[in-house]
Protein backbone atom coordinates (compact mmCIF):
# COMPACT_ATOMS: atom_id res chain seq x y z
CA MET A 1 37.55 59.73 106.93
CA SER A 2 41.47 59.15 108.01
CA THR A 3 42.67 55.53 108.69
CA ILE A 4 44.69 54.47 112.13
CA ARG A 5 47.71 52.35 110.88
CA ALA A 6 47.80 49.85 113.43
CA THR A 7 50.44 47.54 114.35
CA LEU A 8 49.54 44.34 116.41
CA TYR A 9 52.60 42.81 118.99
CA ASN A 10 52.31 39.47 119.77
CA GLU A 11 55.05 37.40 121.48
CA PHE A 12 53.63 34.64 119.23
CA VAL A 13 55.78 31.83 121.68
CA HIS A 14 52.36 29.96 123.08
CA GLU A 15 50.68 29.39 119.71
CA ARG A 16 54.15 27.51 119.17
CA LYS A 17 54.43 25.66 122.34
CA HIS A 18 51.70 24.33 123.36
CA GLU A 19 48.57 22.28 121.13
CA SER A 20 45.91 23.66 123.60
CA VAL A 21 46.70 27.27 122.49
CA ARG A 22 47.27 26.49 118.81
CA ASN A 23 43.89 24.29 118.64
CA VAL A 24 42.20 28.07 119.74
CA TYR A 25 44.53 30.07 117.43
CA PRO A 26 46.14 28.38 114.75
CA ASP A 27 47.08 31.44 113.36
CA GLY A 28 48.40 33.14 116.68
CA ILE A 29 46.64 35.38 118.64
CA HIS A 30 47.50 38.25 116.98
CA GLN A 31 45.91 37.08 113.19
CA ALA A 32 42.68 36.45 115.21
CA ILE A 33 42.97 40.55 116.65
CA ALA A 34 44.14 41.53 113.13
CA ALA A 35 41.21 39.81 111.56
CA PHE A 36 38.74 41.75 113.05
CA LEU A 37 40.01 44.84 112.86
CA ARG A 38 40.95 44.23 109.31
CA GLN A 39 36.97 44.29 108.32
CA GLN A 40 36.67 47.94 109.45
CA PRO A 41 37.21 50.40 106.87
CA ASP A 42 39.22 52.93 108.98
CA ILE A 43 42.00 50.55 110.48
CA GLU A 44 45.42 49.27 108.93
CA VAL A 45 46.80 46.68 110.31
CA GLN A 46 49.90 44.92 110.00
CA THR A 47 51.80 42.43 112.50
CA ALA A 48 54.07 41.75 115.15
CA THR A 49 56.31 38.81 116.70
CA LEU A 50 58.92 37.95 118.89
CA ASP A 51 61.16 36.21 116.83
CA GLN A 52 61.53 38.93 113.75
CA PRO A 53 64.19 41.37 113.49
CA GLU A 54 64.07 44.08 116.52
CA HIS A 55 60.81 42.08 117.45
CA GLY A 56 59.42 43.19 113.71
CA LEU A 57 58.95 47.07 116.16
CA THR A 58 61.66 48.64 113.91
CA ASP A 59 62.63 53.12 113.94
CA GLU A 60 60.65 52.61 110.47
CA VAL A 61 57.61 50.58 111.56
CA LEU A 62 57.10 53.14 114.78
CA ALA A 63 56.99 55.79 112.78
CA LYS A 64 53.94 54.71 110.76
CA THR A 65 52.08 53.26 113.52
CA ASP A 66 48.97 55.24 115.47
CA VAL A 67 48.29 52.77 117.68
CA LEU A 68 50.29 49.77 118.68
CA LEU A 69 49.09 47.06 120.66
CA TRP A 70 50.54 44.56 122.72
CA TRP A 71 49.89 41.06 123.33
CA GLY A 72 52.65 39.23 125.74
CA HIS A 73 52.98 36.04 128.27
CA MET A 74 55.83 33.61 128.85
CA ALA A 75 58.42 35.68 126.99
CA HIS A 76 58.41 39.38 128.73
CA ASP A 77 62.11 38.93 129.36
CA ASP A 78 63.14 38.16 125.85
CA VAL A 79 61.72 41.86 124.82
CA GLN A 80 64.80 43.55 124.11
CA ASP A 81 65.22 47.00 126.66
CA ALA A 82 66.23 48.72 123.07
CA ILE A 83 62.78 47.75 121.64
CA VAL A 84 60.95 49.35 124.91
CA GLU A 85 62.75 52.20 125.28
CA ARG A 86 62.25 53.17 121.56
CA VAL A 87 58.05 52.10 122.00
CA HIS A 88 57.96 54.49 125.29
CA LEU A 89 59.08 57.56 123.30
CA ARG A 90 57.03 56.86 120.23
CA VAL A 91 54.13 56.63 123.53
CA LEU A 92 55.38 60.42 124.88
CA GLU A 93 55.54 61.76 121.32
CA GLY A 94 51.81 60.61 120.95
CA MET A 95 51.48 57.23 119.27
CA GLY A 96 48.58 55.44 121.01
CA LEU A 97 49.06 51.45 123.50
CA ILE A 98 46.47 49.05 124.35
CA VAL A 99 48.03 46.86 126.47
CA LEU A 100 45.75 43.37 126.51
CA HIS A 101 45.24 40.45 129.18
CA SER A 102 48.66 39.29 130.35
CA GLY A 103 50.51 42.05 128.83
CA HIS A 104 49.66 44.29 132.09
CA TYR A 105 53.60 42.52 132.66
CA SER A 106 55.34 43.15 129.78
CA LYS A 107 58.58 45.58 130.45
CA ILE A 108 56.51 48.55 128.80
CA PHE A 109 53.82 48.66 130.88
CA LYS A 110 55.75 48.63 133.71
CA ARG A 111 58.18 51.33 132.26
CA LEU A 112 54.90 53.29 131.87
CA MET A 113 53.01 52.97 135.09
CA GLY A 114 55.95 53.49 137.09
CA THR A 115 54.55 50.42 138.91
CA ASN A 116 55.06 46.26 139.72
CA CYS A 117 51.85 45.97 137.84
CA GLY A 118 51.34 42.38 139.72
CA LEU A 119 47.71 41.03 140.44
CA VAL A 120 45.84 37.73 141.88
CA TRP A 121 45.07 35.33 139.51
CA ARG A 122 44.01 31.80 139.28
CA GLU A 123 42.85 29.57 136.35
CA ALA A 124 39.92 27.93 136.90
CA ASN A 125 37.41 28.32 133.49
CA GLU A 126 34.97 30.90 135.54
CA LYS A 127 32.02 33.33 134.49
CA GLU A 128 33.49 36.66 134.30
CA ARG A 129 31.05 40.01 133.90
CA LEU A 130 32.23 43.08 133.11
CA TRP A 131 30.54 45.92 134.30
CA VAL A 132 30.46 49.76 132.43
CA ALA A 133 31.60 51.77 134.82
CA ASN A 134 32.11 54.66 132.30
CA PRO A 135 28.87 54.81 129.35
CA ASN A 136 29.59 57.71 127.96
CA HIS A 137 33.46 56.66 127.33
CA PRO A 138 33.81 55.88 123.83
CA ILE A 139 35.64 52.74 124.18
CA ALA A 140 32.13 51.14 126.06
CA ASP A 141 30.35 52.05 122.71
CA GLY A 142 27.76 49.43 121.73
CA ILE A 143 28.49 48.25 124.83
CA ASP A 144 25.02 47.29 127.33
CA ARG A 145 25.30 47.55 130.98
CA PHE A 146 27.58 44.83 130.71
CA PHE A 147 28.18 41.79 128.96
CA GLU A 148 29.41 38.16 130.36
CA ILE A 149 32.59 36.11 129.21
CA PRO A 150 31.27 32.38 130.39
CA GLN A 151 34.55 31.32 130.83
CA THR A 152 37.99 32.74 131.34
CA GLU A 153 41.26 33.12 133.84
CA MET A 154 40.35 35.05 136.97
CA TYR A 155 42.63 38.01 137.65
CA GLY A 156 42.32 39.66 140.36
CA GLU A 157 42.97 43.04 143.08
CA TYR A 158 45.42 44.17 144.39
CA PHE A 159 46.53 44.81 141.07
CA ASP A 160 49.72 47.59 141.09
CA ILE A 161 49.46 50.27 138.72
CA PRO A 162 48.60 53.75 138.96
CA THR A 163 45.39 55.55 139.82
CA PRO A 164 43.48 55.52 135.83
CA ASP A 165 42.84 58.57 134.38
CA GLU A 166 39.01 56.93 133.21
CA LEU A 167 38.04 52.92 134.73
CA ILE A 168 36.13 51.98 131.97
CA PHE A 169 35.52 48.71 133.21
CA ILE A 170 35.07 46.42 136.42
CA SER A 171 34.63 43.05 136.63
CA TRP A 172 33.26 40.56 138.99
CA PHE A 173 33.85 36.87 138.71
CA GLU A 174 32.51 33.67 139.95
CA GLY A 175 34.84 33.14 142.79
CA GLY A 176 33.84 36.48 144.35
CA ASN A 177 37.22 38.24 142.85
CA VAL A 178 36.38 41.73 141.54
CA PHE A 179 39.56 43.86 138.90
CA ARG A 180 39.63 47.24 137.27
CA SER A 181 39.64 45.32 133.68
CA GLY A 182 39.33 48.49 131.77
CA CYS A 183 41.48 51.21 132.39
CA THR A 184 43.31 54.39 130.57
CA TRP A 185 46.13 56.78 130.96
CA ARG A 186 47.97 59.72 129.47
CA ARG A 187 52.07 59.93 129.33
CA GLY A 188 53.43 62.69 127.47
CA ARG A 189 51.37 62.90 124.54
CA GLY A 190 49.60 59.06 124.43
CA ARG A 191 47.33 57.50 124.93
CA ILE A 192 47.32 54.21 126.61
CA PHE A 193 44.61 51.69 127.25
CA TYR A 194 44.30 48.33 129.56
CA PHE A 195 42.09 46.06 128.80
CA ARG A 196 41.99 42.18 130.71
CA PRO A 197 40.04 39.63 128.60
CA GLY A 198 41.81 37.54 126.79
CA HIS A 199 42.97 33.76 127.88
CA GLU A 200 45.34 31.98 125.37
CA THR A 201 43.66 29.10 125.82
CA LEU A 202 40.21 30.24 125.55
CA PRO A 203 38.38 32.03 122.36
CA ILE A 204 37.46 35.35 123.87
CA TYR A 205 39.61 37.07 121.36
CA TYR A 206 36.45 35.90 119.00
CA GLN A 207 33.59 37.10 121.31
CA PRO A 208 31.31 39.99 119.73
CA GLU A 209 31.69 42.65 122.83
CA VAL A 210 35.62 42.14 123.14
CA GLN A 211 35.97 42.81 119.67
CA ARG A 212 33.80 46.42 120.27
CA VAL A 213 36.17 47.38 122.77
CA ILE A 214 39.47 46.79 121.10
CA ILE A 215 38.05 48.38 118.00
CA ASN A 216 36.47 51.15 119.77
CA GLY A 217 40.29 51.45 121.96
CA VAL A 218 41.84 51.85 118.79
CA ARG A 219 40.25 54.62 117.47
CA TRP A 220 40.12 56.37 120.92
CA ALA A 221 43.45 56.14 120.96
CA ALA A 222 44.97 57.30 117.51
CA GLN A 223 44.56 61.32 118.15
CA LEU A 224 44.96 61.49 114.07
CA SER A 225 44.74 65.58 115.05
CA ASN A 226 48.39 64.98 117.04
CA THR A 227 50.90 68.07 115.81
CA THR A 228 54.26 68.22 116.91
CA VAL A 229 54.73 70.15 120.55
CA THR A 230 58.35 70.18 121.46
CA GLY A 231 59.14 69.38 125.35
CA ILE A 232 57.55 66.54 125.47
CA THR A 233 60.25 63.98 124.75
CA ASN A 234 63.07 67.04 124.77
CA THR A 235 63.95 69.81 126.75
CA PRO A 236 64.96 72.62 123.84
CA ASN A 237 66.99 75.75 125.72
CA VAL A 238 64.61 78.73 124.61
CA ILE A 239 67.80 81.42 124.59
CA GLU A 240 65.52 84.05 122.67
CA PRO A 241 62.43 85.27 125.14
CA LEU A 242 59.18 86.00 123.71
CA GLU A 243 58.86 89.58 125.54
CA PRO A 244 61.34 92.38 126.34
CA ILE A 245 62.85 91.05 129.87
CA THR A 246 63.80 93.83 131.72
CA ARG A 247 65.62 94.35 135.25
């Protein structure tokens, strides 16, 4: 069994500034997610935070990362553009990217989507029901027809994203809104999965169904059989033709 090397980025700002967040995730959201990923025998996890040099996402770290998970909210603008460019290049080369909850508005997600990635939202601690729209997809493995999150922040349409390659989950909220809450895309050779649940003041990342989806997403995005293909991140000038050219 091949080992998937995952890196989990969390800006780690809310947990330090707000007691309400710290009470739910005392060691940080990144450590809560890393804890259940580390229980998987095929996943190896390291973490990175905004305040580390180069946000912990150095060339060396990214070169050894099969899947990068991204959680951000209140410090999107503090992420260095050079690091965004670095992550973008690695996705084109084949690194998987999982964007969680409010990471929809991160620089890297907007860069890869090419849109504003805006949405409507409401904080009312309402119930969310996530319907499985693609039950045969590996990210939905082990999930029933739907699962519910008892209390959450609402995200609603219109969600300004390109049409997903695959729509896996659709959410309905107690207040009547709906949302495309589990979507995938491919950019270059990289796989991208956006998964909506995860508000910072609620214990959503402790819920088994949410954990199962994230674990499935890491495995789907990993692509451990990747081989190098030129022309994805460079444009070689092929001087010698494979066959004779006659005129």
